[in-house]
C-alpha atoms as a PDB file:
ATOM      1  CA  MET A   1     -20.687 -37.633  47.588  1.00  0.00           C
ATOM      2  CA  ALA A   2     -18.441 -34.965  49.038  1.00  0.00           C
ATOM      3  CA  LEU A   3     -15.775 -36.116  46.620  1.00  0.00           C
ATOM      4  CA  PHE A   4     -17.890 -35.113  43.609  1.00  0.00           C
ATOM      5  CA  ASP A   5     -18.712 -31.711  45.083  1.00  0.00           C
ATOM      6  CA  SER A   6     -15.059 -30.712  44.730  1.00  0.00           C
ATOM      7  CA  PHE A   7     -15.331 -31.006  40.915  1.00  0.00           C
ATOM      8  CA  LYS A   8     -18.299 -28.672  40.659  1.00  0.00           C
ATOM      9  CA  LYS A   9     -17.647 -25.090  39.739  1.00  0.00           C
ATOM     10  CA  ARG A  10     -18.323 -22.811  42.616  1.00  0.00           C
ATOM     11  CA  LYS A  11     -20.029 -19.532  42.018  1.00  0.00           C
ATOM     12  CA  LYS A  12     -18.563 -16.520  43.702  1.00  0.00           C
ATOM     13  CA  LYS A  13     -20.990 -14.785  45.940  1.00  0.00           C
ATOM     14  CA  GLU A  14     -21.593 -11.210  44.961  1.00  0.00           C
ATOM     15  CA  GLU A  15     -20.637  -8.749  47.596  1.00  0.00           C
ATOM     16  CA  VAL A  16     -23.670  -6.923  48.871  1.00  0.00           C
ATOM     17  CA  PRO A  17     -22.999  -3.372  50.027  1.00  0.00           C
ATOM     18  CA  LEU A  18     -24.043  -2.591  53.567  1.00  0.00           C
ATOM     19  CA  SER A  19     -26.127   0.357  52.486  1.00  0.00           C
ATOM     20  CA  ALA A  20     -28.458   0.142  49.504  1.00  0.00           C
ATOM     21  CA  PRO A  21     -27.828   2.694  46.724  1.00  0.00           C
ATOM     22  CA  THR A  22     -30.225   5.579  46.484  1.00  0.00           C
ATOM     23  CA  PRO A  23     -32.396   5.981  43.367  1.00  0.00           C
ATOM     24  CA  SER A  24     -30.250   8.908  42.175  1.00  0.00           C
ATOM     25  CA  GLU A  25     -27.086   6.757  42.423  1.00  0.00           C
ATOM     26  CA  LYS A  26     -28.786   4.021  40.358  1.00  0.00           C
ATOM     27  CA  LYS A  27     -29.664   6.532  37.624  1.00  0.00           C
ATOM     28  CA  ALA A  28     -26.141   7.987  37.627  1.00  0.00           C
ATOM     29  CA  SER A  29     -24.551   4.553  37.262  1.00  0.00           C
ATOM     30  CA  ALA A  30     -26.987   3.647  34.457  1.00  0.00           C
ATOM     31  CA  ILE A  31     -26.241   6.881  32.598  1.00  0.00           C
ATOM     32  CA  VAL A  32     -22.488   6.411  32.903  1.00  0.00           C
ATOM     33  CA  SER A  33     -22.512   2.767  31.740  1.00  0.00           C
ATOM     34  CA  SER A  34     -24.945   3.041  28.810  1.00  0.00           C
ATOM     35  CA  PRO A  35     -22.887   5.320  26.483  1.00  0.00           C
ATOM     36  CA  LYS A  36     -19.906   2.990  26.829  1.00  0.00           C
ATOM     37  CA  LYS A  37     -21.973  -0.016  25.884  1.00  0.00           C
ATOM     38  CA  THR A  38     -23.566   1.719  22.906  1.00  0.00           C
ATOM     39  CA  ALA A  39     -20.160   2.966  21.718  1.00  0.00           C
ATOM     40  CA  GLN A  40     -18.757  -0.567  21.964  1.00  0.00           C
ATOM     41  CA  LYS A  41     -21.723  -2.023  20.067  1.00  0.00           C
ATOM     42  CA  SER A  42     -21.477   0.564  17.303  1.00  0.00           C
ATOM     43  CA  ALA A  43     -17.720  -0.048  17.006  1.00  0.00           C
ATOM     44  CA  GLN A  44     -18.354  -3.794  16.714  1.00  0.00           C
ATOM     45  CA  LYS A  45     -20.983  -3.195  14.010  1.00  0.00           C
ATOM     46  CA  LYS A  46     -18.576  -0.998  12.044  1.00  0.00           C
ATOM     47  CA  GLU A  47     -15.836  -3.638  12.259  1.00  0.00           C
ATOM     48  CA  ALA A  48     -18.291  -6.322  11.144  1.00  0.00           C
ATOM     49  CA  ALA A  49     -19.400  -4.180   8.205  1.00  0.00           C
ATOM     50  CA  LEU A  50     -15.804  -3.737   7.051  1.00  0.00           C
ATOM     51  CA  THR A  51     -15.009  -7.442   6.914  1.00  0.00           C
ATOM     52  CA  PRO A  52     -15.808  -8.729   3.415  1.00  0.00           C
ATOM     53  CA  GLY A  53     -17.265 -12.104   4.375  1.00  0.00           C
ATOM     54  CA  SER A  54     -19.769 -10.877   6.928  1.00  0.00           C
ATOM     55  CA  ALA A  55     -21.222  -7.885   5.103  1.00  0.00           C
ATOM     56  CA  ARG A  56     -24.054  -7.910   2.580  1.00  0.00           C
ATOM     57  CA  ILE A  57     -23.121  -7.277  -1.028  1.00  0.00           C
ATOM     58  CA  ASP A  58     -24.424  -3.707  -1.254  1.00  0.00           C
ATOM     59  CA  GLN A  59     -24.074  -2.674   2.400  1.00  0.00           C
ATOM     60  CA  GLY A  60     -22.780   0.864   2.830  1.00  0.00           C
ATOM     61  CA  ALA A  61     -21.588   1.223  -0.749  1.00  0.00           C
ATOM     62  CA  LYS A  62     -21.672   4.386  -2.802  1.00  0.00           C
ATOM     63  CA  GLY A  63     -21.870   4.850  -6.558  1.00  0.00           C
ATOM     64  CA  GLY A  64     -19.500   2.555  -8.435  1.00  0.00           C
ATOM     65  CA  GLU A  65     -18.688   0.474  -5.350  1.00  0.00           C
ATOM     66  CA  ARG A  66     -22.179  -0.930  -4.955  1.00  0.00           C
ATOM     67  CA  TYR A  67     -21.740  -4.012  -7.125  1.00  0.00           C
ATOM     68  CA  ALA A  68     -17.968  -4.376  -6.756  1.00  0.00           C
ATOM     69  CA  GLY A  69     -18.262  -7.404  -4.447  1.00  0.00           C
ATOM     70  CA  ILE A  70     -20.458  -9.411  -6.811  1.00  0.00           C
ATOM     71  CA  LEU A  71     -17.859 -10.366  -9.436  1.00  0.00           C
ATOM     72  CA  LEU A  72     -15.228 -12.245  -7.437  1.00  0.00           C
ATOM     73  CA  LYS A  73     -12.925 -13.290 -10.293  1.00  0.00           C
ATOM     74  CA  PRO A  74     -13.053 -14.388 -13.915  1.00  0.00           C
ATOM     75  CA  ARG A  75     -12.995 -18.169 -14.484  1.00  0.00           C
ATOM     76  CA  ILE A  76     -10.160 -18.734 -16.911  1.00  0.00           C
ATOM     77  CA  THR A  77     -10.302 -22.358 -18.034  1.00  0.00           C
ATOM     78  CA  GLU A  78      -9.941 -24.069 -21.380  1.00  0.00           C
ATOM     79  CA  LYS A  79     -13.693 -24.289 -21.801  1.00  0.00           C
ATOM     80  CA  SER A  80     -14.316 -20.662 -20.798  1.00  0.00           C
ATOM     81  CA  SER A  81     -11.563 -19.350 -23.084  1.00  0.00           C
ATOM     82  CA  LEU A  82     -13.162 -21.177 -26.026  1.00  0.00           C
ATOM     83  CA  ALA A  83     -16.541 -19.693 -25.078  1.00  0.00           C
ATOM     84  CA  ALA A  84     -14.964 -16.211 -24.902  1.00  0.00           C
ATOM     85  CA  GLY A  85     -14.490 -16.413 -28.676  1.00  0.00           C
ATOM     86  CA  GLU A  86     -18.289 -16.678 -28.908  1.00  0.00           C
ATOM     87  CA  ARG A  87     -18.695 -13.582 -26.621  1.00  0.00           C
ATOM     88  CA  ALA A  88     -19.605 -15.660 -23.520  1.00  0.00           C
ATOM     89  CA  TYR A  89     -17.507 -14.831 -20.448  1.00  0.00           C
ATOM     90  CA  THR A  90     -17.485 -16.821 -17.195  1.00  0.00           C
ATOM     91  CA  PHE A  91     -17.109 -15.242 -13.754  1.00  0.00           C
ATOM     92  CA  GLN A  92     -17.122 -16.630 -10.231  1.00  0.00           C
ATOM     93  CA  VAL A  93     -19.702 -14.577  -8.360  1.00  0.00           C
ATOM     94  CA  HIS A  94     -20.843 -13.989  -4.773  1.00  0.00           C
ATOM     95  CA  PRO A  95     -23.081 -16.821  -3.454  1.00  0.00           C
ATOM     96  CA  ASP A  96     -25.992 -14.401  -2.889  1.00  0.00           C
ATOM     97  CA  ALA A  97     -25.761 -12.764  -6.342  1.00  0.00           C
ATOM     98  CA  THR A  98     -28.685 -12.839  -8.765  1.00  0.00           C
ATOM     99  CA  LYS A  99     -28.790 -12.486 -12.553  1.00  0.00           C
ATOM    100  CA  SER A 100     -29.859  -8.852 -12.366  1.00  0.00           C
ATOM    101  CA  MET A 101     -27.085  -8.041  -9.879  1.00  0.00           C
ATOM    102  CA  VAL A 102     -24.484  -9.665 -12.136  1.00  0.00           C
ATOM    103  CA  LYS A 103     -25.826  -7.727 -15.128  1.00  0.00           C
ATOM    104  CA  LYS A 104     -25.579  -4.416 -13.236  1.00  0.00           C
ATOM    105  CA  ALA A 105     -22.072  -5.293 -12.008  1.00  0.00           C
ATOM    106  CA  ILE A 106     -20.869  -5.971 -15.571  1.00  0.00           C
ATOM    107  CA  GLU A 107     -22.377  -2.666 -16.702  1.00  0.00           C
ATOM    108  CA  GLU A 108     -20.681  -0.844 -13.840  1.00  0.00           C
ATOM    109  CA  VAL A 109     -17.252  -2.486 -13.962  1.00  0.00           C
ATOM    110  CA  TYR A 110     -16.715  -3.068 -17.700  1.00  0.00           C
ATOM    111  CA  LYS A 111     -19.120  -0.402 -19.102  1.00  0.00           C
ATOM    112  CA  LEU A 112     -20.766  -3.044 -21.343  1.00  0.00           C
ATOM    113  CA  HIS A 113     -24.405  -4.122 -21.590  1.00  0.00           C
ATOM    114  CA  PRO A 114     -24.850  -7.911 -21.443  1.00  0.00           C
ATOM    115  CA  VAL A 115     -27.449  -9.552 -23.664  1.00  0.00           C
ATOM    116  CA  LYS A 116     -28.129 -12.344 -21.168  1.00  0.00           C
ATOM    117  CA  VAL A 117     -26.741 -13.879 -17.981  1.00  0.00           C
ATOM    118  CA  ASN A 118     -26.879 -17.522 -16.907  1.00  0.00           C
ATOM    119  CA  ILE A 119     -26.124 -18.668 -13.365  1.00  0.00           C
ATOM    120  CA  ILE A 120     -24.611 -22.062 -12.480  1.00  0.00           C
ATOM    121  CA  VAL A 121     -24.499 -23.264  -8.859  1.00  0.00           C
ATOM    122  CA  SER A 122     -22.007 -26.029  -8.066  1.00  0.00           C
ATOM    123  CA  LYS A 123     -22.763 -27.567  -4.689  1.00  0.00           C
ATOM    124  CA  PRO A 124     -20.003 -28.834  -2.368  1.00  0.00           C
ATOM    125  CA  LYS A 125     -19.232 -32.513  -2.915  1.00  0.00           C
ATOM    126  CA  LYS A 126     -17.785 -35.132  -0.579  1.00  0.00           C
ATOM    127  CA  ILE A 127     -14.548 -36.699  -1.764  1.00  0.00           C
ATOM    128  CA  ARG A 128     -12.076 -39.235  -0.397  1.00  0.00           C
ATOM    129  CA  VAL A 129      -8.342 -38.718  -0.494  1.00  0.00           C
ATOM    130  CA  ARG A 130      -6.153 -41.519   0.892  1.00  0.00           C
ATOM    131  CA  GLY A 131      -9.049 -42.893   2.885  1.00  0.00           C
ATOM    132  CA  ARG A 132      -9.982 -39.587   4.485  1.00  0.00           C
ATOM    133  CA  VAL A 133     -13.248 -37.827   3.807  1.00  0.00           C
ATOM    134  CA  GLY A 134     -13.084 -34.238   2.604  1.00  0.00           C
ATOM    135  CA  THR A 135     -15.194 -31.768   0.673  1.00  0.00           C
ATOM    136  CA  LYS A 136     -14.727 -30.111  -2.667  1.00  0.00           C
ATOM    137  CA  SER A 137     -15.809 -26.489  -2.290  1.00  0.00           C
ATOM    138  CA  GLY A 138     -18.881 -25.354  -4.160  1.00  0.00           C
ATOM    139  CA  ARG A 139     -19.189 -22.129  -6.106  1.00  0.00           C
ATOM    140  CA  LYS A 140     -21.555 -19.947  -8.066  1.00  0.00           C
ATOM    141  CA  GLN A 141     -20.653 -19.018 -11.640  1.00  0.00           C
ATOM    142  CA  ALA A 142     -22.195 -16.578 -14.058  1.00  0.00           C
ATOM    143  CA  ILE A 143     -21.927 -16.866 -17.825  1.00  0.00           C
ATOM    144  CA  VAL A 144     -22.308 -13.414 -19.363  1.00  0.00           C
ATOM    145  CA  TYR A 145     -23.220 -13.077 -23.053  1.00  0.00           C
ATOM    146  CA  LEU A 146     -22.281  -9.811 -24.782  1.00  0.00           C
ATOM    147  CA  LYS A 147     -23.386  -8.090 -28.009  1.00  0.00           C
ATOM    148  CA  LYS A 148     -21.473  -8.569 -31.214  1.00  0.00           C
ATOM    149  CA  GLY A 149     -18.402  -6.345 -31.171  1.00  0.00           C
ATOM    150  CA  ASP A 150     -18.169  -6.104 -27.353  1.00  0.00           C
ATOM    151  CA  LYS A 151     -15.145  -7.692 -25.721  1.00  0.00           C
ATOM    152  CA  ILE A 152     -13.711  -8.112 -22.208  1.00  0.00           C
ATOM    153  CA  GLU A 153      -9.921  -8.268 -21.801  1.00  0.00           C
ATOM    154  CA  PHE A 154      -8.513 -10.237 -18.855  1.00  0.00           C
ATOM    155  CA  VAL A 155      -4.919  -9.217 -18.295  1.00  0.00           C
END
């Protein structure tokens, strides 16, 4: 059994000081270490808030930036370009977006008032390519219907 003991990870014994710290030294060390930890935590939170994937849609936004992350990109396909002639525009939207959020985002970005918004959720699907299993990514789309005379130009 001594052979198996050599594979175990050995914990380092903590060095115990010969004299125990006084209560005032404990408080001083706690005061010195706590601002560093809080500064590190707040810096980590700020970095996490700046990354687009980890932040909520409306987190820390001001004015016109509030709904900017909802409309990811317009879906330009043959079917959507035919529907655009009927004043129905298709957008890929954030997975957490709702109809009301999409409506407000269109109002904010394009300065148009949509008549109605439909949401389509495509779930990820399993596919096989050359015998290997993979996944087709899912997405959330919004079809935005505008009033007669309103138009969105995708350049």
